[in-house]
Amino acid sequence: MARRPVLPLVVAGVLVPTAVTAFGFTVYGDEITGALPFTSSAVPSSHLVRPPSKLPIPSRPTATPEVVAPPPSPEVARQNVASLFASNAVKGITFAPGTTDHIGRGEAVQTGVGNLLGGVPGAVVTLVAHAWNGETTSHRCDVLAMRRALLVRDYLVARGVPAEAISTQVVVDPVWGPPSEAGPQVDVLVG
């Protein structure tokens, strides 16, 4: 028996499947190319994803405008001042007898009145400054009362109350017996 060479059979066994595979890719290449996530053949430009020419700039959140409540009316301001006095158990801004120094809740009440009246348009404010008869050795209690009224007036003007909207009055009250614990006061009337 003659021996047949094995090498041609091995080469044929390798070459024939390669040819069949190449034929298969040639015939079915379009279908295979479309199914692969990558390709070596040219892809039509309509299927290409182009990067943007400009990167988008992220928009900044816009600030929501704050809703500002309108200032209170003079009537509401009057009620607020009366409520402030009532909650502090005083009739006005209190002062130590014989001085222009605040006593008790006087300074806190003055600050509260300034906060309440500072932005009220059209409010007319009357300051009624009280002094007690015999409160000073000079017996010029009206001068002391006016000094107290001017201190409160200047404070309110500094808080935004127009100076022309403020008027002052002086009252010298007769006192019988020892002065009260609260001391004399400056009433704040809002109209």
N, C-alpha and C. Protein backbone atom coordinates (compact mmCIF):
# COMPACT_ATOMS: atom_id res chain seq x y z
N MET A 1 0.81 -1.14 0.00
CA MET A 1 0.00 0.00 0.00
C MET A 1 0.87 1.23 0.00
N ALA A 2 0.36 2.05 -0.73
CA ALA A 2 1.12 3.27 -0.83
C ALA A 2 0.63 4.27 0.22
N ARG A 3 1.56 4.87 0.71
CA ARG A 3 1.20 5.86 1.72
C ARG A 3 0.90 7.18 1.06
N ARG A 4 -0.12 7.73 1.49
CA ARG A 4 -0.48 9.04 0.98
C ARG A 4 0.13 10.08 1.88
N PRO A 5 0.51 11.16 1.26
CA PRO A 5 1.10 12.19 2.11
C PRO A 5 0.03 12.85 3.00
N VAL A 6 0.33 13.02 4.21
CA VAL A 6 -0.59 13.57 5.21
C VAL A 6 -0.61 15.10 5.15
N LEU A 7 0.45 15.67 4.82
CA LEU A 7 0.55 17.12 4.82
C LEU A 7 -0.48 17.77 3.90
N PRO A 8 -0.67 17.32 2.69
CA PRO A 8 -1.68 17.97 1.86
C PRO A 8 -3.07 17.86 2.48
N LEU A 9 -3.36 16.81 3.20
CA LEU A 9 -4.67 16.67 3.81
C LEU A 9 -4.84 17.69 4.96
N VAL A 10 -3.79 17.88 5.71
CA VAL A 10 -3.85 18.84 6.81
C VAL A 10 -4.01 20.24 6.25
N VAL A 11 -3.24 20.57 5.23
CA VAL A 11 -3.33 21.90 4.63
C VAL A 11 -4.72 22.08 4.02
N ALA A 12 -5.24 21.08 3.38
CA ALA A 12 -6.57 21.17 2.78
C ALA A 12 -7.62 21.34 3.87
N GLY A 13 -7.43 20.63 4.99
CA GLY A 13 -8.39 20.74 6.10
C GLY A 13 -8.41 22.14 6.68
N VAL A 14 -7.29 22.83 6.65
CA VAL A 14 -7.23 24.19 7.18
C VAL A 14 -7.70 25.19 6.14
N LEU A 15 -7.33 25.01 4.90
CA LEU A 15 -7.66 25.96 3.85
C LEU A 15 -9.13 25.92 3.47
N VAL A 16 -9.73 24.78 3.45
CA VAL A 16 -11.13 24.69 3.03
C VAL A 16 -12.03 25.42 4.04
N PRO A 17 -11.90 25.19 5.35
CA PRO A 17 -12.77 25.96 6.25
C PRO A 17 -12.51 27.46 6.16
N THR A 18 -11.27 27.88 5.92
CA THR A 18 -10.98 29.30 5.79
C THR A 18 -11.68 29.86 4.57
N ALA A 19 -11.68 29.16 3.51
CA ALA A 19 -12.34 29.61 2.28
C ALA A 19 -13.84 29.69 2.50
N VAL A 20 -14.39 28.70 3.18
CA VAL A 20 -15.83 28.70 3.43
C VAL A 20 -16.19 29.89 4.33
N THR A 21 -15.36 30.14 5.35
CA THR A 21 -15.61 31.26 6.25
C THR A 21 -15.51 32.57 5.50
N ALA A 22 -14.49 32.72 4.65
CA ALA A 22 -14.34 33.95 3.86
C ALA A 22 -15.53 34.13 2.94
N PHE A 23 -16.00 33.03 2.35
CA PHE A 23 -17.16 33.10 1.46
C PHE A 23 -18.40 33.53 2.28
N GLY A 24 -18.52 32.99 3.48
CA GLY A 24 -19.65 33.33 4.32
C GLY A 24 -19.64 34.80 4.72
N PHE A 25 -18.46 35.31 5.05
CA PHE A 25 -18.37 36.73 5.39
C PHE A 25 -18.65 37.60 4.18
N THR A 26 -18.26 37.17 3.02
CA THR A 26 -18.49 37.96 1.81
C THR A 26 -19.97 38.00 1.49
N VAL A 27 -20.63 36.89 1.59
CA VAL A 27 -22.04 36.83 1.24
C VAL A 27 -22.89 37.51 2.32
N TYR A 28 -22.59 37.17 3.54
CA TYR A 28 -23.41 37.68 4.63
C TYR A 28 -22.75 38.84 5.38
N GLY A 29 -21.77 39.47 4.79
CA GLY A 29 -21.01 40.52 5.46
C GLY A 29 -21.85 41.70 5.92
N ASP A 30 -22.80 42.08 5.06
CA ASP A 30 -23.62 43.22 5.45
C ASP A 30 -24.43 42.90 6.70
N GLU A 31 -24.99 41.72 6.78
CA GLU A 31 -25.78 41.36 7.94
C GLU A 31 -24.92 41.25 9.19
N ILE A 32 -23.72 40.68 9.03
CA ILE A 32 -22.84 40.53 10.18
C ILE A 32 -22.34 41.89 10.64
N THR A 33 -21.98 42.75 9.72
CA THR A 33 -21.47 44.06 10.07
C THR A 33 -22.52 44.86 10.84
N GLY A 34 -23.78 44.77 10.44
CA GLY A 34 -24.84 45.49 11.13
C GLY A 34 -25.09 44.95 12.52
N ALA A 35 -24.76 43.67 12.78
CA ALA A 35 -25.02 43.08 14.08
C ALA A 35 -23.90 43.29 15.07
N LEU A 36 -22.71 43.63 14.57
CA LEU A 36 -21.57 43.81 15.46
C LEU A 36 -21.58 45.22 16.06
N PRO A 37 -21.08 45.35 17.29
CA PRO A 37 -21.01 46.68 17.88
C PRO A 37 -19.88 47.51 17.29
N PHE A 38 -19.01 46.93 16.53
CA PHE A 38 -17.91 47.63 15.88
C PHE A 38 -17.84 47.13 14.45
N THR A 39 -17.17 47.86 13.61
CA THR A 39 -17.02 47.44 12.22
C THR A 39 -15.75 48.03 11.64
N SER A 40 -15.25 47.34 10.64
CA SER A 40 -14.07 47.85 9.96
C SER A 40 -14.45 48.46 8.63
N SER A 41 -15.68 48.21 8.17
CA SER A 41 -16.09 48.82 6.91
C SER A 41 -16.65 50.20 7.18
N ALA A 42 -16.79 50.98 6.15
CA ALA A 42 -17.27 52.35 6.30
C ALA A 42 -18.73 52.35 6.69
N VAL A 43 -19.06 53.15 7.68
CA VAL A 43 -20.44 53.30 8.14
C VAL A 43 -20.98 54.57 7.51
N PRO A 44 -22.20 54.54 7.01
CA PRO A 44 -22.75 55.77 6.42
C PRO A 44 -22.75 56.90 7.46
N SER A 45 -22.51 58.11 7.00
CA SER A 45 -22.39 59.25 7.91
C SER A 45 -23.69 59.55 8.65
N SER A 46 -24.80 59.08 8.13
CA SER A 46 -26.06 59.33 8.83
C SER A 46 -26.15 58.54 10.13
N HIS A 47 -25.34 57.45 10.24
CA HIS A 47 -25.35 56.65 11.45
C HIS A 47 -24.31 57.09 12.46
N LEU A 48 -23.46 58.04 12.10
CA LEU A 48 -22.43 58.48 13.03
C LEU A 48 -23.01 59.47 14.03
N VAL A 49 -22.56 59.36 15.26
CA VAL A 49 -22.93 60.32 16.29
C VAL A 49 -21.80 61.32 16.37
N ARG A 50 -22.14 62.57 16.13
CA ARG A 50 -21.13 63.61 16.15
C ARG A 50 -21.13 64.27 17.53
N PRO A 51 -19.93 64.53 18.06
CA PRO A 51 -19.89 65.24 19.34
C PRO A 51 -20.35 66.68 19.13
N PRO A 52 -20.93 67.28 20.15
CA PRO A 52 -21.39 68.67 19.98
C PRO A 52 -20.20 69.60 19.76
N SER A 53 -20.43 70.62 18.92
CA SER A 53 -19.36 71.57 18.65
C SER A 53 -19.07 72.44 19.87
N LYS A 54 -20.09 72.71 20.70
CA LYS A 54 -19.92 73.47 21.93
C LYS A 54 -20.50 72.65 23.06
N LEU A 55 -19.80 72.62 24.14
CA LEU A 55 -20.33 71.93 25.29
C LEU A 55 -21.41 72.78 25.93
N PRO A 56 -22.51 72.17 26.33
CA PRO A 56 -23.56 72.99 26.95
C PRO A 56 -23.10 73.52 28.30
N ILE A 57 -23.47 74.73 28.59
CA ILE A 57 -23.15 75.35 29.87
C ILE A 57 -24.33 75.11 30.79
N PRO A 58 -24.07 74.49 31.93
CA PRO A 58 -25.20 74.23 32.81
C PRO A 58 -25.81 75.54 33.30
N SER A 59 -27.11 75.58 33.29
CA SER A 59 -27.78 76.81 33.72
C SER A 59 -27.76 76.89 35.23
N ARG A 60 -27.58 78.09 35.72
CA ARG A 60 -27.58 78.32 37.16
C ARG A 60 -29.02 78.47 37.61
N PRO A 61 -29.31 77.92 38.76
CA PRO A 61 -30.68 78.09 39.23
C PRO A 61 -30.97 79.56 39.49
N THR A 62 -32.11 79.99 39.03
CA THR A 62 -32.47 81.38 39.24
C THR A 62 -33.06 81.54 40.63
N ALA A 63 -32.73 82.63 41.25
CA ALA A 63 -33.24 82.89 42.60
C ALA A 63 -34.71 83.26 42.51
N THR A 64 -35.47 82.66 43.37
CA THR A 64 -36.88 82.97 43.43
C THR A 64 -37.03 84.32 44.13
N PRO A 65 -37.69 85.25 43.49
CA PRO A 65 -37.83 86.55 44.15
C PRO A 65 -38.62 86.41 45.45
N GLU A 66 -38.11 87.08 46.46
CA GLU A 66 -38.78 87.03 47.75
C GLU A 66 -40.05 87.87 47.69
N VAL A 67 -41.06 87.32 48.27
CA VAL A 67 -42.31 88.07 48.35
C VAL A 67 -42.22 88.96 49.58
N VAL A 68 -42.23 90.23 49.33
CA VAL A 68 -42.12 91.20 50.42
C VAL A 68 -43.51 91.69 50.77
N ALA A 69 -43.85 91.53 52.02
CA ALA A 69 -45.16 91.98 52.46
C ALA A 69 -45.20 93.50 52.46
N PRO A 70 -46.33 94.05 52.08
CA PRO A 70 -46.41 95.52 52.12
C PRO A 70 -46.32 96.00 53.56
N PRO A 71 -45.83 97.21 53.75
CA PRO A 71 -45.73 97.73 55.12
C PRO A 71 -47.13 97.85 55.73
N PRO A 72 -47.20 97.74 57.05
CA PRO A 72 -48.51 97.83 57.68
C PRO A 72 -49.09 99.24 57.55
N SER A 73 -50.39 99.29 57.63
CA SER A 73 -51.06 100.58 57.58
C SER A 73 -50.87 101.28 58.93
N PRO A 74 -51.11 102.58 58.99
CA PRO A 74 -51.01 103.28 60.27
C PRO A 74 -51.93 102.68 61.34
N GLU A 75 -53.10 102.21 60.94
CA GLU A 75 -54.02 101.61 61.91
C GLU A 75 -53.44 100.32 62.49
N VAL A 76 -52.85 99.49 61.65
CA VAL A 76 -52.22 98.25 62.13
C VAL A 76 -51.03 98.59 63.02
N ALA A 77 -50.26 99.61 62.64
CA ALA A 77 -49.12 100.04 63.47
C ALA A 77 -49.60 100.53 64.83
N ARG A 78 -50.70 101.26 64.86
CA ARG A 78 -51.26 101.73 66.14
C ARG A 78 -51.63 100.55 67.02
N GLN A 79 -52.28 99.55 66.45
CA GLN A 79 -52.67 98.35 67.21
C GLN A 79 -51.44 97.60 67.70
N ASN A 80 -50.41 97.52 66.86
CA ASN A 80 -49.18 96.82 67.25
C ASN A 80 -48.47 97.52 68.41
N VAL A 81 -48.43 98.85 68.38
CA VAL A 81 -47.80 99.60 69.46
C VAL A 81 -48.59 99.42 70.76
N ALA A 82 -49.92 99.48 70.68
CA ALA A 82 -50.76 99.28 71.87
C ALA A 82 -50.54 97.87 72.43
N SER A 83 -50.43 96.88 71.54
CA SER A 83 -50.18 95.50 71.97
C SER A 83 -48.81 95.36 72.63
N LEU A 84 -47.82 96.08 72.09
CA LEU A 84 -46.47 96.06 72.68
C LEU A 84 -46.50 96.62 74.10
N PHE A 85 -47.18 97.73 74.30
CA PHE A 85 -47.28 98.32 75.63
C PHE A 85 -47.99 97.36 76.57
N ALA A 86 -49.09 96.78 76.12
CA ALA A 86 -49.87 95.87 76.98
C ALA A 86 -49.06 94.63 77.35
N SER A 87 -48.31 94.09 76.41
CA SER A 87 -47.53 92.87 76.69
C SER A 87 -46.37 93.14 77.65
N ASN A 88 -45.94 94.39 77.74
CA ASN A 88 -44.87 94.77 78.68
C ASN A 88 -45.42 95.42 79.94
N ALA A 89 -46.73 95.47 80.07
CA ALA A 89 -47.41 96.04 81.24
C ALA A 89 -46.97 97.48 81.53
N VAL A 90 -46.86 98.27 80.47
CA VAL A 90 -46.53 99.69 80.60
C VAL A 90 -47.51 100.49 79.77
N LYS A 91 -47.54 101.81 80.04
CA LYS A 91 -48.39 102.71 79.26
C LYS A 91 -47.58 103.44 78.20
N GLY A 92 -46.24 103.41 78.32
CA GLY A 92 -45.36 104.10 77.39
C GLY A 92 -43.92 103.67 77.62
N ILE A 93 -43.02 104.46 77.07
CA ILE A 93 -41.59 104.21 77.24
C ILE A 93 -41.19 104.84 78.57
N THR A 94 -40.74 104.01 79.51
CA THR A 94 -40.54 104.48 80.89
C THR A 94 -39.14 105.01 81.13
N PHE A 95 -39.08 106.00 82.04
CA PHE A 95 -37.82 106.65 82.42
C PHE A 95 -37.69 106.66 83.94
N ALA A 96 -36.45 106.69 84.39
CA ALA A 96 -36.19 106.80 85.83
C ALA A 96 -36.58 108.21 86.29
N PRO A 97 -37.18 108.36 87.45
CA PRO A 97 -37.57 109.70 87.93
C PRO A 97 -36.37 110.65 87.99
N GLY A 98 -36.60 111.85 87.47
CA GLY A 98 -35.60 112.91 87.53
C GLY A 98 -34.50 112.79 86.47
N THR A 99 -34.56 111.78 85.58
CA THR A 99 -33.49 111.59 84.58
C THR A 99 -34.08 111.32 83.20
N THR A 100 -33.17 111.18 82.25
CA THR A 100 -33.56 110.74 80.90
C THR A 100 -33.09 109.30 80.65
N ASP A 101 -32.83 108.58 81.73
CA ASP A 101 -32.40 107.18 81.62
C ASP A 101 -33.63 106.27 81.66
N HIS A 102 -33.59 105.23 80.85
CA HIS A 102 -34.69 104.27 80.84
C HIS A 102 -34.70 103.49 82.15
N ILE A 103 -35.90 103.07 82.52
CA ILE A 103 -36.06 102.23 83.71
C ILE A 103 -36.96 101.06 83.32
N GLY A 104 -36.79 99.94 84.01
CA GLY A 104 -37.62 98.77 83.74
C GLY A 104 -37.45 98.31 82.30
N ARG A 105 -38.55 98.17 81.59
CA ARG A 105 -38.55 97.71 80.20
C ARG A 105 -38.49 98.87 79.21
N GLY A 106 -38.16 100.06 79.70
CA GLY A 106 -38.19 101.26 78.86
C GLY A 106 -37.38 101.16 77.58
N GLU A 107 -36.14 100.68 77.69
CA GLU A 107 -35.29 100.60 76.50
C GLU A 107 -35.80 99.54 75.52
N ALA A 108 -36.22 98.39 76.04
CA ALA A 108 -36.74 97.33 75.17
C ALA A 108 -38.03 97.77 74.48
N VAL A 109 -38.88 98.48 75.20
CA VAL A 109 -40.12 98.98 74.61
C VAL A 109 -39.82 100.02 73.54
N GLN A 110 -38.86 100.91 73.80
CA GLN A 110 -38.47 101.90 72.79
C GLN A 110 -37.97 101.21 71.52
N THR A 111 -37.15 100.17 71.69
CA THR A 111 -36.66 99.42 70.53
C THR A 111 -37.82 98.78 69.78
N GLY A 112 -38.77 98.20 70.50
CA GLY A 112 -39.93 97.60 69.86
C GLY A 112 -40.77 98.60 69.09
N VAL A 113 -40.96 99.78 69.67
CA VAL A 113 -41.72 100.83 68.99
C VAL A 113 -40.99 101.25 67.71
N GLY A 114 -39.67 101.40 67.80
CA GLY A 114 -38.88 101.76 66.61
C GLY A 114 -39.00 100.71 65.52
N ASN A 115 -38.98 99.45 65.90
CA ASN A 115 -39.13 98.37 64.91
C ASN A 115 -40.52 98.38 64.27
N LEU A 116 -41.53 98.69 65.06
CA LEU A 116 -42.90 98.68 64.54
C LEU A 116 -43.20 99.87 63.64
N LEU A 117 -42.60 101.03 63.93
CA LEU A 117 -42.93 102.24 63.18
C LEU A 117 -41.93 102.58 62.09
N GLY A 118 -40.81 101.88 62.04
CA GLY A 118 -39.73 102.22 61.12
C GLY A 118 -40.10 102.24 59.65
N GLY A 119 -41.00 101.40 59.20
CA GLY A 119 -41.30 101.36 57.77
C GLY A 119 -42.76 101.59 57.45
N VAL A 120 -43.45 102.34 58.30
CA VAL A 120 -44.89 102.56 58.10
C VAL A 120 -45.08 103.89 57.38
N PRO A 121 -45.45 103.84 56.09
CA PRO A 121 -45.66 105.11 55.39
C PRO A 121 -46.98 105.75 55.80
N GLY A 122 -46.97 107.05 55.92
CA GLY A 122 -48.20 107.78 56.22
C GLY A 122 -48.59 107.81 57.68
N ALA A 123 -47.80 107.21 58.54
CA ALA A 123 -48.14 107.22 59.96
C ALA A 123 -47.80 108.58 60.56
N VAL A 124 -48.68 109.08 61.39
CA VAL A 124 -48.45 110.31 62.13
C VAL A 124 -48.27 109.90 63.59
N VAL A 125 -47.14 110.31 64.17
CA VAL A 125 -46.79 109.89 65.53
C VAL A 125 -46.80 111.10 66.44
N THR A 126 -47.50 110.96 67.55
CA THR A 126 -47.49 112.00 68.58
C THR A 126 -46.85 111.41 69.83
N LEU A 127 -45.83 112.08 70.33
CA LEU A 127 -45.16 111.67 71.56
C LEU A 127 -45.66 112.56 72.68
N VAL A 128 -46.26 111.95 73.68
CA VAL A 128 -46.75 112.69 74.85
C VAL A 128 -45.81 112.36 76.00
N ALA A 129 -44.94 113.32 76.35
CA ALA A 129 -43.93 113.09 77.38
C ALA A 129 -44.47 113.54 78.73
N HIS A 130 -44.41 112.63 79.67
CA HIS A 130 -44.91 112.91 81.03
C HIS A 130 -43.74 113.17 81.98
N ALA A 131 -43.97 114.06 82.90
CA ALA A 131 -43.06 114.29 84.04
C ALA A 131 -43.94 114.50 85.25
N TRP A 132 -43.40 114.19 86.40
CA TRP A 132 -44.17 114.35 87.63
C TRP A 132 -43.83 115.69 88.26
N ASN A 133 -44.83 116.32 88.83
CA ASN A 133 -44.63 117.57 89.53
C ASN A 133 -43.70 117.31 90.72
N GLY A 134 -42.63 118.06 90.80
CA GLY A 134 -41.67 117.87 91.87
C GLY A 134 -40.61 116.83 91.55
N GLU A 135 -40.58 116.37 90.34
CA GLU A 135 -39.60 115.34 89.95
C GLU A 135 -38.18 115.92 89.90
N THR A 136 -38.07 117.20 89.64
CA THR A 136 -36.75 117.84 89.60
C THR A 136 -36.67 118.90 90.69
N THR A 137 -35.47 119.18 91.11
CA THR A 137 -35.28 120.20 92.15
C THR A 137 -35.53 121.61 91.60
N SER A 138 -35.37 121.77 90.31
CA SER A 138 -35.59 123.11 89.72
C SER A 138 -37.08 123.36 89.45
N HIS A 139 -37.88 122.33 89.61
CA HIS A 139 -39.31 122.41 89.33
C HIS A 139 -39.60 122.74 87.87
N ARG A 140 -38.66 122.43 86.99
CA ARG A 140 -38.86 122.59 85.54
C ARG A 140 -39.10 121.22 84.94
N CYS A 141 -40.14 120.59 85.41
CA CYS A 141 -40.47 119.24 84.95
C CYS A 141 -40.84 119.22 83.47
N ASP A 142 -41.36 120.35 82.97
CA ASP A 142 -41.69 120.41 81.55
C ASP A 142 -40.45 120.29 80.67
N VAL A 143 -39.33 120.87 81.13
CA VAL A 143 -38.07 120.76 80.37
C VAL A 143 -37.58 119.32 80.37
N LEU A 144 -37.66 118.67 81.51
CA LEU A 144 -37.25 117.26 81.59
C LEU A 144 -38.13 116.39 80.69
N ALA A 145 -39.43 116.65 80.70
CA ALA A 145 -40.33 115.87 79.84
C ALA A 145 -40.01 116.09 78.36
N MET A 146 -39.69 117.34 77.98
CA MET A 146 -39.35 117.63 76.58
C MET A 146 -38.06 116.92 76.19
N ARG A 147 -37.07 116.88 77.08
CA ARG A 147 -35.81 116.18 76.78
C ARG A 147 -36.09 114.69 76.53
N ARG A 148 -36.98 114.10 77.32
CA ARG A 148 -37.35 112.69 77.11
C ARG A 148 -38.03 112.50 75.75
N ALA A 149 -38.93 113.43 75.42
CA ALA A 149 -39.64 113.34 74.13
C ALA A 149 -38.66 113.44 72.96
N LEU A 150 -37.69 114.35 73.08
CA LEU A 150 -36.71 114.51 72.00
C LEU A 150 -35.80 113.28 71.85
N LEU A 151 -35.47 112.64 72.97
CA LEU A 151 -34.68 111.40 72.89
C LEU A 151 -35.45 110.31 72.13
N VAL A 152 -36.72 110.16 72.44
CA VAL A 152 -37.54 109.15 71.75
C VAL A 152 -37.72 109.55 70.29
N ARG A 153 -37.93 110.84 70.05
CA ARG A 153 -38.10 111.33 68.67
C ARG A 153 -36.84 111.03 67.83
N ASP A 154 -35.67 111.35 68.37
CA ASP A 154 -34.43 111.10 67.64
C ASP A 154 -34.23 109.61 67.37
N TYR A 155 -34.61 108.79 68.33
CA TYR A 155 -34.50 107.35 68.14
C TYR A 155 -35.40 106.88 67.00
N LEU A 156 -36.64 107.36 66.98
CA LEU A 156 -37.57 106.95 65.92
C LEU A 156 -37.13 107.44 64.55
N VAL A 157 -36.58 108.65 64.50
CA VAL A 157 -36.07 109.17 63.22
C VAL A 157 -34.92 108.30 62.74
N ALA A 158 -34.05 107.89 63.66
CA ALA A 158 -32.93 107.01 63.28
C ALA A 158 -33.44 105.66 62.78
N ARG A 159 -34.61 105.23 63.20
CA ARG A 159 -35.20 103.96 62.77
C ARG A 159 -36.00 104.10 61.49
N GLY A 160 -36.11 105.30 60.93
CA GLY A 160 -36.77 105.47 59.65
C GLY A 160 -38.10 106.19 59.67
N VAL A 161 -38.52 106.65 60.82
CA VAL A 161 -39.76 107.43 60.89
C VAL A 161 -39.42 108.85 60.45
N PRO A 162 -40.15 109.41 59.47
CA PRO A 162 -39.84 110.78 59.03
C PRO A 162 -40.01 111.78 60.17
N ALA A 163 -39.06 112.69 60.30
CA ALA A 163 -39.10 113.68 61.38
C ALA A 163 -40.36 114.54 61.31
N GLU A 164 -40.79 114.85 60.09
CA GLU A 164 -41.98 115.70 59.95
C GLU A 164 -43.27 114.98 60.34
N ALA A 165 -43.22 113.67 60.52
CA ALA A 165 -44.40 112.90 60.92
C ALA A 165 -44.53 112.80 62.43
N ILE A 166 -43.56 113.37 63.18
CA ILE A 166 -43.55 113.24 64.63
C ILE A 166 -43.80 114.60 65.28
N SER A 167 -44.77 114.64 66.18
CA SER A 167 -44.99 115.85 66.99
C SER A 167 -44.86 115.47 68.45
N THR A 168 -44.60 116.47 69.29
CA THR A 168 -44.41 116.20 70.72
C THR A 168 -45.32 117.08 71.56
N GLN A 169 -45.69 116.53 72.70
CA GLN A 169 -46.46 117.26 73.70
C GLN A 169 -45.85 116.97 75.06
N VAL A 170 -46.02 117.89 75.98
CA VAL A 170 -45.49 117.73 77.33
C VAL A 170 -46.65 117.82 78.31
N VAL A 171 -46.65 116.88 79.27
CA VAL A 171 -47.66 116.88 80.32
C VAL A 171 -46.93 116.73 81.65
N VAL A 172 -47.22 117.66 82.58
CA VAL A 172 -46.67 117.54 83.93
C VAL A 172 -47.80 117.02 84.81
N ASP A 173 -47.61 115.80 85.29
CA ASP A 173 -48.63 115.14 86.10
C ASP A 173 -48.42 115.44 87.58
N PRO A 174 -49.52 115.74 88.31
CA PRO A 174 -49.37 115.92 89.77
C PRO A 174 -49.15 114.55 90.40
N VAL A 175 -48.28 114.48 91.36
CA VAL A 175 -47.99 113.21 92.01
C VAL A 175 -48.30 113.36 93.48
N TRP A 176 -49.05 112.43 94.01
CA TRP A 176 -49.34 112.40 95.44
C TRP A 176 -48.75 111.11 95.97
N GLY A 177 -47.81 111.22 96.85
CA GLY A 177 -47.19 110.03 97.39
C GLY A 177 -45.95 109.66 96.60
N PRO A 178 -45.37 108.50 96.91
CA PRO A 178 -44.13 108.12 96.24
C PRO A 178 -44.37 107.80 94.76
N PRO A 179 -43.37 108.02 93.94
CA PRO A 179 -43.53 107.72 92.51
C PRO A 179 -43.75 106.22 92.32
N SER A 180 -44.45 105.88 91.27
CA SER A 180 -44.71 104.46 90.99
C SER A 180 -43.42 103.79 90.55
N GLU A 181 -43.43 102.48 90.58
CA GLU A 181 -42.24 101.71 90.22
C GLU A 181 -41.88 101.88 88.75
N ALA A 182 -42.88 102.07 87.90
CA ALA A 182 -42.62 102.16 86.47
C ALA A 182 -41.96 103.47 86.08
N GLY A 183 -42.14 104.49 86.83
CA GLY A 183 -41.55 105.78 86.49
C GLY A 183 -42.38 106.52 85.47
N PRO A 184 -42.03 107.76 85.18
CA PRO A 184 -42.74 108.54 84.18
C PRO A 184 -42.48 107.95 82.78
N GLN A 185 -43.35 108.28 81.84
CA GLN A 185 -43.20 107.67 80.52
C GLN A 185 -43.44 108.67 79.40
N VAL A 186 -43.11 108.19 78.18
CA VAL A 186 -43.44 108.91 76.97
C VAL A 186 -44.44 108.02 76.22
N ASP A 187 -45.66 108.51 76.09
CA ASP A 187 -46.69 107.76 75.34
C ASP A 187 -46.41 107.93 73.84
N VAL A 188 -46.71 106.90 73.08
CA VAL A 188 -46.55 106.94 71.62
C VAL A 188 -47.92 106.71 71.02
N LEU A 189 -48.46 107.76 70.43
CA LEU A 189 -49.80 107.70 69.80
C LEU A 189 -49.60 107.70 68.28
N VAL A 190 -50.19 106.71 67.62
CA VAL A 190 -50.04 106.58 66.17
C VAL A 190 -51.37 106.84 65.53
N GLY A 191 -51.37 107.72 64.54
CA GLY A 191 -52.63 108.03 63.85
C GLY A 191 -52.49 107.92 62.36
